[in-house]
Amino acid sequence: MANEVNSQVTDAITQTNVKVVAEAPAQAMASFYQMMASANGLAATNAVSNQHNLNQLNPTIVAQAINMIKAG
């Protein structure tokens, strides 16, 4: 049994390994950008939700303030 490996096979494996290692930073940055986009979307959703909740409370707060002013 021969212990030699065809040089084309070793070259192909080396090129594949280099390609995978070379793509890792790009994959990491893509994942980071997707995570940041998701976080920004959630922040906007929370801001809208908080504004909605405050808009529901405003009439009650104004009515209470008017009652306090009337009571003197």
N, C-alpha and C. Protein backbone atom coordinates (compact mmCIF):
# COMPACT_ATOMS: atom_id res chain seq x y z
N MET A 1 0.86 -1.18 0.00
CA MET A 1 0.00 0.00 0.00
C MET A 1 0.90 1.23 0.00
N ALA A 2 0.58 2.16 -0.86
CA ALA A 2 1.41 3.35 -1.00
C ALA A 2 1.02 4.38 0.04
N ASN A 3 2.04 5.07 0.54
CA ASN A 3 1.79 6.12 1.52
C ASN A 3 1.71 7.50 0.87
N GLU A 4 1.88 7.57 -0.43
CA GLU A 4 1.82 8.85 -1.10
C GLU A 4 0.38 9.22 -1.43
N VAL A 5 0.12 10.52 -1.36
CA VAL A 5 -1.20 11.04 -1.71
C VAL A 5 -1.03 11.93 -2.92
N ASN A 6 -1.96 11.85 -3.80
CA ASN A 6 -1.91 12.66 -5.01
C ASN A 6 -1.85 14.14 -4.62
N SER A 7 -0.96 14.89 -5.24
CA SER A 7 -0.79 16.30 -4.91
C SER A 7 -2.03 17.12 -5.23
N GLN A 8 -2.81 16.69 -6.22
CA GLN A 8 -4.05 17.41 -6.53
C GLN A 8 -5.06 17.30 -5.38
N VAL A 9 -5.06 16.16 -4.71
CA VAL A 9 -5.97 15.96 -3.58
C VAL A 9 -5.56 16.87 -2.43
N THR A 10 -4.28 16.90 -2.11
CA THR A 10 -3.82 17.75 -1.00
C THR A 10 -4.04 19.22 -1.33
N ASP A 11 -3.83 19.61 -2.58
CA ASP A 11 -4.07 21.00 -2.97
C ASP A 11 -5.55 21.37 -2.81
N ALA A 12 -6.43 20.46 -3.22
CA ALA A 12 -7.86 20.73 -3.12
C ALA A 12 -8.29 20.88 -1.67
N ILE A 13 -7.77 20.03 -0.81
CA ILE A 13 -8.10 20.10 0.62
C ILE A 13 -7.55 21.39 1.23
N THR A 14 -6.34 21.75 0.87
CA THR A 14 -5.73 22.97 1.39
C THR A 14 -6.53 24.19 0.95
N GLN A 15 -6.93 24.22 -0.31
CA GLN A 15 -7.72 25.35 -0.81
C GLN A 15 -9.07 25.44 -0.12
N THR A 16 -9.68 24.30 0.15
CA THR A 16 -10.97 24.29 0.85
C THR A 16 -10.81 24.83 2.26
N ASN A 17 -9.76 24.39 2.95
CA ASN A 17 -9.52 24.87 4.32
C ASN A 17 -9.25 26.36 4.34
N VAL A 18 -8.47 26.85 3.39
CA VAL A 18 -8.17 28.28 3.32
C VAL A 18 -9.45 29.06 3.05
N LYS A 19 -10.29 28.54 2.18
CA LYS A 19 -11.55 29.22 1.86
C LYS A 19 -12.44 29.33 3.09
N VAL A 20 -12.55 28.26 3.84
CA VAL A 20 -13.40 28.26 5.04
C VAL A 20 -12.85 29.24 6.07
N VAL A 21 -11.55 29.22 6.29
CA VAL A 21 -10.95 30.13 7.27
C VAL A 21 -11.07 31.58 6.81
N ALA A 22 -10.92 31.82 5.51
CA ALA A 22 -11.00 33.17 4.99
C ALA A 22 -12.41 33.73 5.08
N GLU A 23 -13.44 32.88 5.02
CA GLU A 23 -14.81 33.35 5.07
C GLU A 23 -15.32 33.58 6.49
N ALA A 24 -14.61 33.09 7.49
CA ALA A 24 -15.10 33.19 8.87
C ALA A 24 -15.32 34.63 9.32
N PRO A 25 -14.40 35.57 9.09
CA PRO A 25 -14.67 36.95 9.53
C PRO A 25 -15.91 37.56 8.87
N ALA A 26 -16.10 37.28 7.60
CA ALA A 26 -17.27 37.81 6.90
C ALA A 26 -18.56 37.23 7.49
N GLN A 27 -18.54 35.94 7.79
CA GLN A 27 -19.72 35.31 8.39
C GLN A 27 -20.00 35.91 9.77
N ALA A 28 -18.94 36.15 10.54
CA ALA A 28 -19.11 36.74 11.87
C ALA A 28 -19.69 38.15 11.77
N MET A 29 -19.21 38.94 10.83
CA MET A 29 -19.72 40.29 10.67
C MET A 29 -21.18 40.27 10.19
N ALA A 30 -21.50 39.36 9.31
CA ALA A 30 -22.89 39.26 8.84
C ALA A 30 -23.81 38.90 10.01
N SER A 31 -23.38 37.98 10.84
CA SER A 31 -24.17 37.61 12.01
C SER A 31 -24.32 38.80 12.96
N PHE A 32 -23.24 39.55 13.14
CA PHE A 32 -23.28 40.72 14.01
C PHE A 32 -24.26 41.76 13.48
N TYR A 33 -24.22 42.03 12.16
CA TYR A 33 -25.12 43.02 11.57
C TYR A 33 -26.59 42.59 11.71
N GLN A 34 -26.86 41.30 11.53
CA GLN A 34 -28.23 40.81 11.69
C GLN A 34 -28.69 40.96 13.14
N MET A 35 -27.80 40.69 14.08
CA MET A 35 -28.14 40.83 15.50
C MET A 35 -28.42 42.29 15.84
N MET A 36 -27.60 43.20 15.31
CA MET A 36 -27.80 44.62 15.59
C MET A 36 -29.11 45.12 14.95
N ALA A 37 -29.42 44.66 13.75
CA ALA A 37 -30.68 45.05 13.11
C ALA A 37 -31.87 44.57 13.93
N SER A 38 -31.78 43.37 14.44
CA SER A 38 -32.86 42.83 15.28
C SER A 38 -33.00 43.63 16.57
N ALA A 39 -31.88 43.97 17.19
CA ALA A 39 -31.91 44.75 18.43
C ALA A 39 -32.51 46.13 18.18
N ASN A 40 -32.15 46.76 17.06
CA ASN A 40 -32.72 48.08 16.74
C ASN A 40 -34.22 47.98 16.48
N GLY A 41 -34.65 46.92 15.83
CA GLY A 41 -36.08 46.72 15.60
C GLY A 41 -36.84 46.55 16.90
N LEU A 42 -36.27 45.78 17.83
CA LEU A 42 -36.92 45.60 19.12
C LEU A 42 -36.96 46.91 19.90
N ALA A 43 -35.91 47.72 19.80
CA ALA A 43 -35.89 49.01 20.49
C ALA A 43 -36.99 49.92 19.95
N ALA A 44 -37.16 49.94 18.65
CA ALA A 44 -38.22 50.76 18.05
C ALA A 44 -39.60 50.25 18.47
N THR A 45 -39.76 48.95 18.50
CA THR A 45 -41.04 48.36 18.94
C THR A 45 -41.34 48.74 20.38
N ASN A 46 -40.34 48.68 21.23
CA ASN A 46 -40.54 49.05 22.64
C ASN A 46 -40.88 50.53 22.78
N ALA A 47 -40.25 51.38 21.98
CA ALA A 47 -40.54 52.81 22.04
C ALA A 47 -41.98 53.09 21.64
N VAL A 48 -42.44 52.43 20.60
CA VAL A 48 -43.82 52.62 20.16
C VAL A 48 -44.79 52.11 21.23
N SER A 49 -44.47 50.98 21.82
CA SER A 49 -45.34 50.42 22.86
C SER A 49 -45.41 51.34 24.07
N ASN A 50 -44.27 51.88 24.48
CA ASN A 50 -44.25 52.80 25.63
C ASN A 50 -45.04 54.07 25.32
N GLN A 51 -44.91 54.59 24.11
CA GLN A 51 -45.65 55.79 23.74
C GLN A 51 -47.16 55.50 23.75
N HIS A 52 -47.53 54.36 23.26
CA HIS A 52 -48.95 53.97 23.26
C HIS A 52 -49.48 53.90 24.70
N ASN A 53 -48.72 53.27 25.58
CA ASN A 53 -49.16 53.14 26.98
C ASN A 53 -49.29 54.51 27.64
N LEU A 54 -48.34 55.41 27.37
CA LEU A 54 -48.43 56.75 27.95
C LEU A 54 -49.62 57.52 27.38
N ASN A 55 -49.91 57.34 26.10
CA ASN A 55 -51.06 58.01 25.50
C ASN A 55 -52.37 57.53 26.12
N GLN A 56 -52.41 56.29 26.58
CA GLN A 56 -53.61 55.80 27.24
C GLN A 56 -53.76 56.40 28.64
N LEU A 57 -52.63 56.70 29.28
CA LEU A 57 -52.69 57.25 30.63
C LEU A 57 -52.94 58.75 30.66
N ASN A 58 -52.61 59.47 29.60
CA ASN A 58 -52.71 60.93 29.59
C ASN A 58 -54.09 61.46 29.97
N PRO A 59 -55.19 60.97 29.42
CA PRO A 59 -56.51 61.52 29.82
C PRO A 59 -56.78 61.37 31.31
N THR A 60 -56.37 60.26 31.89
CA THR A 60 -56.58 60.04 33.32
C THR A 60 -55.75 61.02 34.14
N ILE A 61 -54.51 61.23 33.72
CA ILE A 61 -53.63 62.16 34.44
C ILE A 61 -54.17 63.58 34.35
N VAL A 62 -54.62 63.99 33.17
CA VAL A 62 -55.16 65.34 33.00
C VAL A 62 -56.43 65.50 33.83
N ALA A 63 -57.30 64.51 33.82
CA ALA A 63 -58.55 64.59 34.61
C ALA A 63 -58.23 64.70 36.09
N GLN A 64 -57.27 63.95 36.56
CA GLN A 64 -56.87 64.01 37.99
C GLN A 64 -56.30 65.38 38.33
N ALA A 65 -55.50 65.96 37.41
CA ALA A 65 -54.93 67.27 37.64
C ALA A 65 -56.03 68.34 37.69
N ILE A 66 -57.00 68.22 36.80
CA ILE A 66 -58.12 69.19 36.81
C ILE A 66 -58.91 69.08 38.11
N ASN A 67 -59.16 67.88 38.56
CA ASN A 67 -59.88 67.69 39.83
C ASN A 67 -59.11 68.28 41.01
N MET A 68 -57.77 68.13 40.97
CA MET A 68 -56.96 68.70 42.05
C MET A 68 -57.00 70.23 42.02
N ILE A 69 -57.02 70.80 40.79
CA ILE A 69 -57.08 72.26 40.66
C ILE A 69 -58.45 72.76 41.16
N LYS A 70 -59.50 72.06 40.78
CA LYS A 70 -60.85 72.45 41.22
C LYS A 70 -60.99 72.36 42.73
N ALA A 71 -60.40 71.35 43.32
CA ALA A 71 -60.50 71.16 44.77
C ALA A 71 -59.75 72.27 45.50
N GLY A 72 -58.80 72.85 44.83
CA GLY A 72 -58.12 74.01 45.30
C GLY A 72 -57.15 73.83 46.35
